[in-house]
Amino acid sequence: MSKIFVRERRRSKRGSRRPRFSVVATLGTDVRLYKEHFRRKELEELAQAIEAELVFLAMEEEDDDDDDDDHGKKRRKDHHERKHD
């Protein structure tokens, strides 16, 4: 059976009227997804249509003691750090 692996988004809460889930991976199916974020109902309908099982992945707990403040953030180069050709 095909599987769709899903996790809950960190910045979306219940009742915020924003899609709460992101598809992490698919297994055993050749499906193309054109959105980044989905509502649970959309995922359930998709899984039913392609006869796949939804697998909800557990979210990692955030450590308050973590010294890495840039975790998960993209770093942009400053103007002075860019190499000029």
PDB file of N, CA and C in Angstrom:
ATOM      1  N   MET A   1       0.845  -1.186   0.000  1.00  0.00           N
ATOM      2  CA  MET A   1       0.000   0.000   0.000  1.00  0.00           C
ATOM      3  C   MET A   1       0.889   1.246   0.000  1.00  0.00           C
ATOM      4  N   SER A   2       0.477   2.251  -0.706  1.00  0.00           N
ATOM      5  CA  SER A   2       1.190   3.529  -0.760  1.00  0.00           C
ATOM      6  C   SER A   2       1.005   4.290   0.549  1.00  0.00           C
ATOM      7  N   LYS A   3       1.990   5.145   0.839  1.00  0.00           N
ATOM      8  CA  LYS A   3       1.926   5.944   2.061  1.00  0.00           C
ATOM      9  C   LYS A   3       2.258   7.393   1.750  1.00  0.00           C
ATOM     10  N   ILE A   4       1.618   8.291   2.496  1.00  0.00           N
ATOM     11  CA  ILE A   4       1.912   9.721   2.430  1.00  0.00           C
ATOM     12  C   ILE A   4       2.314  10.142   3.835  1.00  0.00           C
ATOM     13  N   PHE A   5       3.560  10.617   3.975  1.00  0.00           N
ATOM     14  CA  PHE A   5       4.075  11.027   5.277  1.00  0.00           C
ATOM     15  C   PHE A   5       3.856  12.527   5.449  1.00  0.00           C
ATOM     16  N   VAL A   6       3.229  12.886   6.559  1.00  0.00           N
ATOM     17  CA  VAL A   6       2.783  14.256   6.796  1.00  0.00           C
ATOM     18  C   VAL A   6       3.227  14.697   8.181  1.00  0.00           C
ATOM     19  N   ARG A   7       3.536  15.980   8.316  1.00  0.00           N
ATOM     20  CA  ARG A   7       3.799  16.537   9.642  1.00  0.00           C
ATOM     21  C   ARG A   7       3.042  17.845   9.794  1.00  0.00           C
ATOM     22  N   GLU A   8       2.769  18.201  11.038  1.00  0.00           N
ATOM     23  CA  GLU A   8       2.078  19.451  11.329  1.00  0.00           C
ATOM     24  C   GLU A   8       3.060  20.604  11.224  1.00  0.00           C
ATOM     25  N   ARG A   9       2.626  21.690  10.619  1.00  0.00           N
ATOM     26  CA  ARG A   9       3.476  22.867  10.487  1.00  0.00           C
ATOM     27  C   ARG A   9       3.670  23.529  11.839  1.00  0.00           C
ATOM     28  N   ARG A  10       4.832  24.117  12.046  1.00  0.00           N
ATOM     29  CA  ARG A  10       5.139  24.758  13.327  1.00  0.00           C
ATOM     30  C   ARG A  10       4.419  26.089  13.498  1.00  0.00           C
ATOM     31  N   ARG A  11       4.242  26.825  12.439  1.00  0.00           N
ATOM     32  CA  ARG A  11       3.704  28.188  12.553  1.00  0.00           C
ATOM     33  C   ARG A  11       2.202  28.278  12.303  1.00  0.00           C
ATOM     34  N   SER A  12       1.545  27.163  12.197  1.00  0.00           N
ATOM     35  CA  SER A  12       0.111  27.171  11.953  1.00  0.00           C
ATOM     36  C   SER A  12      -0.588  26.494  13.124  1.00  0.00           C
ATOM     37  N   LYS A  13      -1.563  27.150  13.686  1.00  0.00           N
ATOM     38  CA  LYS A  13      -2.286  26.633  14.856  1.00  0.00           C
ATOM     39  C   LYS A  13      -3.708  26.254  14.464  1.00  0.00           C
ATOM     40  N   ARG A  14      -4.338  25.467  15.313  1.00  0.00           N
ATOM     41  CA  ARG A  14      -5.748  25.122  15.098  1.00  0.00           C
ATOM     42  C   ARG A  14      -6.584  26.391  15.126  1.00  0.00           C
ATOM     43  N   GLY A  15      -7.524  26.486  14.203  1.00  0.00           N
ATOM     44  CA  GLY A  15      -8.420  27.633  14.172  1.00  0.00           C
ATOM     45  C   GLY A  15      -7.834  28.861  13.500  1.00  0.00           C
ATOM     46  N   SER A  16      -6.633  28.759  12.949  1.00  0.00           N
ATOM     47  CA  SER A  16      -6.021  29.925  12.308  1.00  0.00           C
ATOM     48  C   SER A  16      -6.476  30.091  10.862  1.00  0.00           C
ATOM     49  N   ARG A  17      -7.274  29.137  10.381  1.00  0.00           N
ATOM     50  CA  ARG A  17      -7.808  29.167   9.016  1.00  0.00           C
ATOM     51  C   ARG A  17      -6.698  29.084   7.965  1.00  0.00           C
ATOM     52  N   ARG A  18      -5.574  28.484   8.334  1.00  0.00           N
ATOM     53  CA  ARG A  18      -4.464  28.239   7.416  1.00  0.00           C
ATOM     54  C   ARG A  18      -4.222  26.738   7.367  1.00  0.00           C
ATOM     55  N   PRO A  19      -3.791  26.213   6.225  1.00  0.00           N
ATOM     56  CA  PRO A  19      -3.476  24.784   6.163  1.00  0.00           C
ATOM     57  C   PRO A  19      -2.409  24.415   7.190  1.00  0.00           C
ATOM     58  N   ARG A  20      -2.653  23.325   7.947  1.00  0.00           N
ATOM     59  CA  ARG A  20      -1.790  22.982   9.078  1.00  0.00           C
ATOM     60  C   ARG A  20      -0.741  21.932   8.779  1.00  0.00           C
ATOM     61  N   PHE A  21      -0.772  21.297   7.615  1.00  0.00           N
ATOM     62  CA  PHE A  21       0.086  20.144   7.381  1.00  0.00           C
ATOM     63  C   PHE A  21       0.963  20.320   6.154  1.00  0.00           C
ATOM     64  N   SER A  22       2.148  19.701   6.211  1.00  0.00           N
ATOM     65  CA  SER A  22       3.085  19.655   5.090  1.00  0.00           C
ATOM     66  C   SER A  22       3.348  18.198   4.751  1.00  0.00           C
ATOM     67  N   VAL A  23       3.414  17.882   3.466  1.00  0.00           N
ATOM     68  CA  VAL A  23       3.762  16.535   3.037  1.00  0.00           C
ATOM     69  C   VAL A  23       5.282  16.432   3.040  1.00  0.00           C
ATOM     70  N   VAL A  24       5.802  15.455   3.764  1.00  0.00           N
ATOM     71  CA  VAL A  24       7.242  15.263   3.884  1.00  0.00           C
ATOM     72  C   VAL A  24       7.750  14.326   2.801  1.00  0.00           C
ATOM     73  N   ALA A  25       7.021  13.234   2.551  1.00  0.00           N
ATOM     74  CA  ALA A  25       7.456  12.251   1.565  1.00  0.00           C
ATOM     75  C   ALA A  25       6.275  11.378   1.154  1.00  0.00           C
ATOM     76  N   THR A  26       6.453  10.694   0.041  1.00  0.00           N
ATOM     77  CA  THR A  26       5.484   9.697  -0.399  1.00  0.00           C
ATOM     78  C   THR A  26       6.235   8.404  -0.674  1.00  0.00           C
ATOM     79  N   LEU A  27       5.550   7.290  -0.528  1.00  0.00           N
ATOM     80  CA  LEU A  27       6.161   5.986  -0.738  1.00  0.00           C
ATOM     81  C   LEU A  27       5.208   5.125  -1.552  1.00  0.00           C
ATOM     82  N   GLY A  28       5.697   4.553  -2.638  1.00  0.00           N
ATOM     83  CA  GLY A  28       4.902   3.628  -3.430  1.00  0.00           C
ATOM     84  C   GLY A  28       3.845   4.288  -4.289  1.00  0.00           C
ATOM     85  N   THR A  29       4.011   5.547  -4.591  1.00  0.00           N
ATOM     86  CA  THR A  29       3.047   6.234  -5.443  1.00  0.00           C
ATOM     87  C   THR A  29       3.777   7.246  -6.311  1.00  0.00           C
ATOM     88  N   ASP A  30       3.236   7.487  -7.470  1.00  0.00           N
ATOM     89  CA  ASP A  30       3.813   8.474  -8.381  1.00  0.00           C
ATOM     90  C   ASP A  30       2.862   9.669  -8.429  1.00  0.00           C
ATOM     91  N   VAL A  31       2.847  10.426  -7.347  1.00  0.00           N
ATOM     92  CA  VAL A  31       1.934  11.563  -7.242  1.00  0.00           C
ATOM     93  C   VAL A  31       2.757  12.846  -7.215  1.00  0.00           C
ATOM     94  N   ARG A  32       2.272  13.851  -7.901  1.00  0.00           N
ATOM     95  CA  ARG A  32       2.899  15.169  -7.882  1.00  0.00           C
ATOM     96  C   ARG A  32       2.012  16.112  -7.083  1.00  0.00           C
ATOM     97  N   LEU A  33       2.634  16.828  -6.167  1.00  0.00           N
ATOM     98  CA  LEU A  33       1.902  17.772  -5.330  1.00  0.00           C
ATOM     99  C   LEU A  33       2.276  19.180  -5.766  1.00  0.00           C
ATOM    100  N   TYR A  34       1.281  20.025  -5.954  1.00  0.00           N
ATOM    101  CA  TYR A  34       1.514  21.377  -6.440  1.00  0.00           C
ATOM    102  C   TYR A  34       1.327  22.436  -5.361  1.00  0.00           C
ATOM    103  N   LYS A  35       1.090  22.013  -4.143  1.00  0.00           N
ATOM    104  CA  LYS A  35       0.964  22.927  -3.014  1.00  0.00           C
ATOM    105  C   LYS A  35       1.986  22.535  -1.964  1.00  0.00           C
ATOM    106  N   GLU A  36       2.338  23.458  -1.092  1.00  0.00           N
ATOM    107  CA  GLU A  36       3.260  23.152  -0.005  1.00  0.00           C
ATOM    108  C   GLU A  36       2.526  22.752   1.272  1.00  0.00           C
ATOM    109  N   HIS A  37       1.354  23.328   1.490  1.00  0.00           N
ATOM    110  CA  HIS A  37       0.627  23.120   2.740  1.00  0.00           C
ATOM    111  C   HIS A  37      -0.782  22.624   2.438  1.00  0.00           C
ATOM    112  N   PHE A  38      -1.275  21.728   3.303  1.00  0.00           N
ATOM    113  CA  PHE A  38      -2.569  21.097   3.073  1.00  0.00           C
ATOM    114  C   PHE A  38      -3.402  21.111   4.343  1.00  0.00           C
ATOM    115  N   ARG A  39      -4.701  21.069   4.147  1.00  0.00           N
ATOM    116  CA  ARG A  39      -5.633  20.867   5.250  1.00  0.00           C
ATOM    117  C   ARG A  39      -5.832  19.360   5.425  1.00  0.00           C
ATOM    118  N   ARG A  40      -6.224  18.944   6.619  1.00  0.00           N
ATOM    119  CA  ARG A  40      -6.403  17.516   6.884  1.00  0.00           C
ATOM    120  C   ARG A  40      -7.416  16.898   5.916  1.00  0.00           C
ATOM    121  N   LYS A  41      -8.499  17.587   5.671  1.00  0.00           N
ATOM    122  CA  LYS A  41      -9.536  17.061   4.769  1.00  0.00           C
ATOM    123  C   LYS A  41      -8.978  16.845   3.359  1.00  0.00           C
ATOM    124  N   GLU A  42      -8.138  17.770   2.884  1.00  0.00           N
ATOM    125  CA  GLU A  42      -7.521  17.623   1.562  1.00  0.00           C
ATOM    126  C   GLU A  42      -6.630  16.388   1.520  1.00  0.00           C
ATOM    127  N   LEU A  43      -5.853  16.180   2.585  1.00  0.00           N
ATOM    128  CA  LEU A  43      -4.981  15.011   2.642  1.00  0.00           C
ATOM    129  C   LEU A  43      -5.775  13.714   2.676  1.00  0.00           C
ATOM    130  N   GLU A  44      -6.864  13.704   3.438  1.00  0.00           N
ATOM    131  CA  GLU A  44      -7.696  12.504   3.526  1.00  0.00           C
ATOM    132  C   GLU A  44      -8.315  12.173   2.170  1.00  0.00           C
ATOM    133  N   GLU A  45      -8.789  13.189   1.447  1.00  0.00           N
ATOM    134  CA  GLU A  45      -9.373  12.959   0.126  1.00  0.00           C
ATOM    135  C   GLU A  45      -8.325  12.483  -0.877  1.00  0.00           C
ATOM    136  N   LEU A  46      -7.135  13.063  -0.812  1.00  0.00           N
ATOM    137  CA  LEU A  46      -6.043  12.652  -1.688  1.00  0.00           C
ATOM    138  C   LEU A  46      -5.664  11.198  -1.416  1.00  0.00           C
ATOM    139  N   ALA A  47      -5.508  10.850  -0.158  1.00  0.00           N
ATOM    140  CA  ALA A  47      -5.136   9.482   0.214  1.00  0.00           C
ATOM    141  C   ALA A  47      -6.198   8.481  -0.235  1.00  0.00           C
ATOM    142  N   GLN A  48      -7.446   8.848  -0.088  1.00  0.00           N
ATOM    143  CA  GLN A  48      -8.521   7.960  -0.509  1.00  0.00           C
ATOM    144  C   GLN A  48      -8.516   7.775  -2.030  1.00  0.00           C
ATOM    145  N   ALA A  49      -8.274   8.849  -2.773  1.00  0.00           N
ATOM    146  CA  ALA A  49      -8.294   8.785  -4.235  1.00  0.00           C
ATOM    147  C   ALA A  49      -7.170   7.913  -4.791  1.00  0.00           C
ATOM    148  N   ILE A  50      -6.004   7.918  -4.145  1.00  0.00           N
ATOM    149  CA  ILE A  50      -4.883   7.114  -4.652  1.00  0.00           C
ATOM    150  C   ILE A  50      -4.654   5.855  -3.819  1.00  0.00           C
ATOM    151  N   GLU A  51      -5.613   5.561  -2.936  1.00  0.00           N
ATOM    152  CA  GLU A  51      -5.575   4.375  -2.077  1.00  0.00           C
ATOM    153  C   GLU A  51      -4.273   4.311  -1.283  1.00  0.00           C
ATOM    154  N   ALA A  52      -3.969   5.396  -0.596  1.00  0.00           N
ATOM    155  CA  ALA A  52      -2.758   5.489   0.213  1.00  0.00           C
ATOM    156  C   ALA A  52      -3.124   5.676   1.680  1.00  0.00           C
ATOM    157  N   GLU A  53      -2.177   5.344   2.519  1.00  0.00           N
ATOM    158  CA  GLU A  53      -2.328   5.517   3.961  1.00  0.00           C
ATOM    159  C   GLU A  53      -1.639   6.815   4.375  1.00  0.00           C
ATOM    160  N   LEU A  54      -2.291   7.608   5.219  1.00  0.00           N
ATOM    161  CA  LEU A  54      -1.674   8.815   5.765  1.00  0.00           C
ATOM    162  C   LEU A  54      -0.887   8.446   7.021  1.00  0.00           C
ATOM    163  N   VAL A  55       0.370   8.873   7.078  1.00  0.00           N
ATOM    164  CA  VAL A  55       1.211   8.638   8.242  1.00  0.00           C
ATOM    165  C   VAL A  55       1.575  10.000   8.811  1.00  0.00           C
ATOM    166  N   PHE A  56       1.085  10.298  10.010  1.00  0.00           N
ATOM    167  CA  PHE A  56       1.350  11.584  10.655  1.00  0.00           C
ATOM    168  C   PHE A  56       2.602  11.439  11.508  1.00  0.00           C
ATOM    169  N   LEU A  57       3.640  12.189  11.159  1.00  0.00           N
ATOM    170  CA  LEU A  57       4.911  12.136  11.874  1.00  0.00           C
ATOM    171  C   LEU A  57       4.844  13.010  13.124  1.00  0.00           C
ATOM    172  N   ALA A  58       5.513  12.553  14.174  1.00  0.00           N
ATOM    173  CA  ALA A  58       5.556  13.323  15.419  1.00  0.00           C
ATOM    174  C   ALA A  58       6.459  14.527  15.242  1.00  0.00           C
ATOM    175  N   MET A  59       6.069  15.638  15.852  1.00  0.00           N
ATOM    176  CA  MET A  59       6.886  16.848  15.799  1.00  0.00           C
ATOM    177  C   MET A  59       7.953  16.779  16.871  1.00  0.00           C
ATOM    178  N   GLU A  60       9.113  17.355  16.563  1.00  0.00           N
ATOM    179  CA  GLU A  60      10.186  17.427  17.547  1.00  0.00           C
ATOM    180  C   GLU A  60       9.842  18.484  18.583  1.00  0.00           C
ATOM    181  N   GLU A  61      10.247  18.214  19.814  1.00  0.00           N
ATOM    182  CA  GLU A  61      10.074  19.195  20.875  1.00  0.00           C
ATOM    183  C   GLU A  61      11.185  20.217  20.755  1.00  0.00           C
ATOM    184  N   GLU A  62      10.861  21.494  20.937  1.00  0.00           N
ATOM    185  CA  GLU A  62      11.865  22.537  20.859  1.00  0.00           C
ATOM    186  C   GLU A  62      12.589  22.647  22.190  1.00  0.00           C
ATOM    187  N   ASP A  63      13.934  22.712  22.124  1.00  0.00           N
ATOM    188  CA  ASP A  63      14.746  22.885  23.325  1.00  0.00           C
ATOM    189  C   ASP A  63      14.938  24.364  23.598  1.00  0.00           C
ATOM    190  N   ASP A  64      14.663  24.783  24.824  1.00  0.00           N
ATOM    191  CA  ASP A  64      14.909  26.171  25.208  1.00  0.00           C
ATOM    192  C   ASP A  64      16.390  26.404  25.475  1.00  0.00           C
ATOM    193  N   ASP A  65      17.142  25.309  25.728  1.00  0.00           N
ATOM    194  CA  ASP A  65      18.559  25.427  26.040  1.00  0.00           C
ATOM    195  C   ASP A  65      19.434  25.451  24.801  1.00  0.00           C
ATOM    196  N   ASP A  66      18.849  25.370  23.643  1.00  0.00           N
ATOM    197  CA  ASP A  66      19.608  25.317  22.399  1.00  0.00           C
ATOM    198  C   ASP A  66      20.275  26.657  22.137  1.00  0.00           C
ATOM    199  N   ASP A  67      21.601  26.650  21.969  1.00  0.00           N
ATOM    200  CA  ASP A  67      22.352  27.885  21.745  1.00  0.00           C
ATOM    201  C   ASP A  67      22.320  28.336  20.293  1.00  0.00           C
ATOM    202  N   ASP A  68      21.867  27.495  19.395  1.00  0.00           N
ATOM    203  CA  ASP A  68      21.859  27.817  17.968  1.00  0.00           C
ATOM    204  C   ASP A  68      20.599  28.615  17.644  1.00  0.00           C
ATOM    205  N   ASP A  69      20.714  29.948  17.600  1.00  0.00           N
ATOM    206  CA  ASP A  69      19.561  30.820  17.348  1.00  0.00           C
ATOM    207  C   ASP A  69      19.138  30.821  15.898  1.00  0.00           C
ATOM    208  N   ASP A  70      20.024  30.399  14.968  1.00  0.00           N
ATOM    209  CA  ASP A  70      19.717  30.428  13.542  1.00  0.00           C
ATOM    210  C   ASP A  70      19.152  29.113  13.039  1.00  0.00           C
ATOM    211  N   HIS A  71      18.795  28.202  13.919  1.00  0.00           N
ATOM    212  CA  HIS A  71      18.297  26.898  13.507  1.00  0.00           C
ATOM    213  C   HIS A  71      17.031  27.046  12.661  1.00  0.00           C
ATOM    214  N   GLY A  72      17.070  26.496  11.455  1.00  0.00           N
ATOM    215  CA  GLY A  72      15.903  26.524  10.578  1.00  0.00           C
ATOM    216  C   GLY A  72      15.727  27.808   9.807  1.00  0.00           C
ATOM    217  N   LYS A  73      16.630  28.764   9.961  1.00  0.00           N
ATOM    218  CA  LYS A  73      16.505  30.029   9.255  1.00  0.00           C
ATOM    219  C   LYS A  73      17.535  30.095   8.147  1.00  0.00           C
ATOM    220  N   LYS A  74      17.142  30.628   7.033  1.00  0.00           N
ATOM    221  CA  LYS A  74      18.084  30.815   5.943  1.00  0.00           C
ATOM    222  C   LYS A  74      18.936  32.036   6.233  1.00  0.00           C
ATOM    223  N   ARG A  75      20.210  31.926   5.960  1.00  0.00           N
ATOM    224  CA  ARG A  75      21.126  33.035   6.213  1.00  0.00           C
ATOM    225  C   ARG A  75      21.397  33.744   4.911  1.00  0.00           C
ATOM    226  N   ARG A  76      21.197  35.014   4.898  1.00  0.00           N
ATOM    227  CA  ARG A  76      21.471  35.823   3.721  1.00  0.00           C
ATOM    228  C   ARG A  76      22.832  36.464   3.876  1.00  0.00           C
ATOM    229  N   LYS A  77      23.565  36.500   2.780  1.00  0.00           N
ATOM    230  CA  LYS A  77      24.872  37.148   2.818  1.00  0.00           C
ATOM    231  C   LYS A  77      24.688  38.658   2.805  1.00  0.00           C
ATOM    232  N   ASP A  78      25.460  39.322   3.630  1.00  0.00           N
ATOM    233  CA  ASP A  78      25.461  40.784   3.631  1.00  0.00           C
ATOM    234  C   ASP A  78      26.176  41.275   2.386  1.00  0.00           C
ATOM    235  N   HIS A  79      25.980  42.501   2.082  1.00  0.00           N
ATOM    236  CA  HIS A  79      26.591  43.093   0.900  1.00  0.00           C
ATOM    237  C   HIS A  79      28.112  42.941   0.937  1.00  0.00           C
ATOM    238  N   HIS A  80      28.724  43.080   2.100  1.00  0.00           N
ATOM    239  CA  HIS A  80      30.173  43.030   2.229  1.00  0.00           C
ATOM    240  C   HIS A  80      30.716  41.604   2.139  1.00  0.00           C
ATOM    241  N   GLU A  81      29.874  40.618   2.407  1.00  0.00           N
ATOM    242  CA  GLU A  81      30.323  39.234   2.353  1.00  0.00           C
ATOM    243  C   GLU A  81      30.255  38.665   0.952  1.00  0.00           C
ATOM    244  N   ARG A  82      29.544  39.278   0.055  1.00  0.00           N
ATOM    245  CA  ARG A  82      29.411  38.755  -1.304  1.00  0.00           C
ATOM    246  C   ARG A  82      30.713  38.898  -2.065  1.00  0.00           C
ATOM    247  N   LYS A  83      30.989  37.913  -2.863  1.00  0.00           N
ATOM    248  CA  LYS A  83      32.190  37.966  -3.688  1.00  0.00           C
ATOM    249  C   LYS A  83      31.867  38.726  -4.966  1.00  0.00           C
ATOM    250  N   HIS A  84      32.709  39.636  -5.316  1.00  0.00           N
ATOM    251  CA  HIS A  84      32.525  40.392  -6.550  1.00  0.00           C
ATOM    252  C   HIS A  84      33.481  39.853  -7.592  1.00  0.00           C
ATOM    253  N   ASP A  85      32.975  39.548  -8.774  1.00  0.00           N
ATOM    254  CA  ASP A  85      33.824  39.056  -9.869  1.00  0.00           C
ATOM    255  C   ASP A  85      34.320  40.171 -10.731  1.00  0.00           C
TER     256      ASP A  85
END
